[in-house]
Amino acid sequence: MNTEEKFTVPAATLIEKPEEYELKVEVPGVGKEDAELHMDGRTLTLKTHAKYQHPAGFRPVATEFERTNYAMSVDMPEMADVTTLSAKLENGVLAVTVKKRPETQARKIDIL
């Protein structure tokens, strides 16, 4: 039996907003206690570990349902202030928000 852990790269989208970036990652069936986020320099890494236990006293006869382990890394844009990272996992979607550095945000300049 192969005990090597297998990982799948989840579907993800990085959105640029005027003052921040938002990374949305689809991780169905993953709870926040099963997910790890790490920031190393400008690289954000996500790794999840699926845990599924059959109810006590039950033994599966046939199954088509299996939890998936996910892993991915994303290099955040140069304009991102990686010290402002926040994350929320809800309904199988991980949303990571990173503010832009103030000096890189668009602004109106008054003409004197």
Foldseek 3Di string as FASTA:
>chain_A
DDPDADADAFDWDWDDDLWKIKIKTFQPPFDPVQKDWDQDPQKIKIWGDDDDDDPPPDDDPDDPDDHHIHIDMDRHDPQWPVVQWDWDDDNRMIMIMTTGDVVPGDDDDDDD
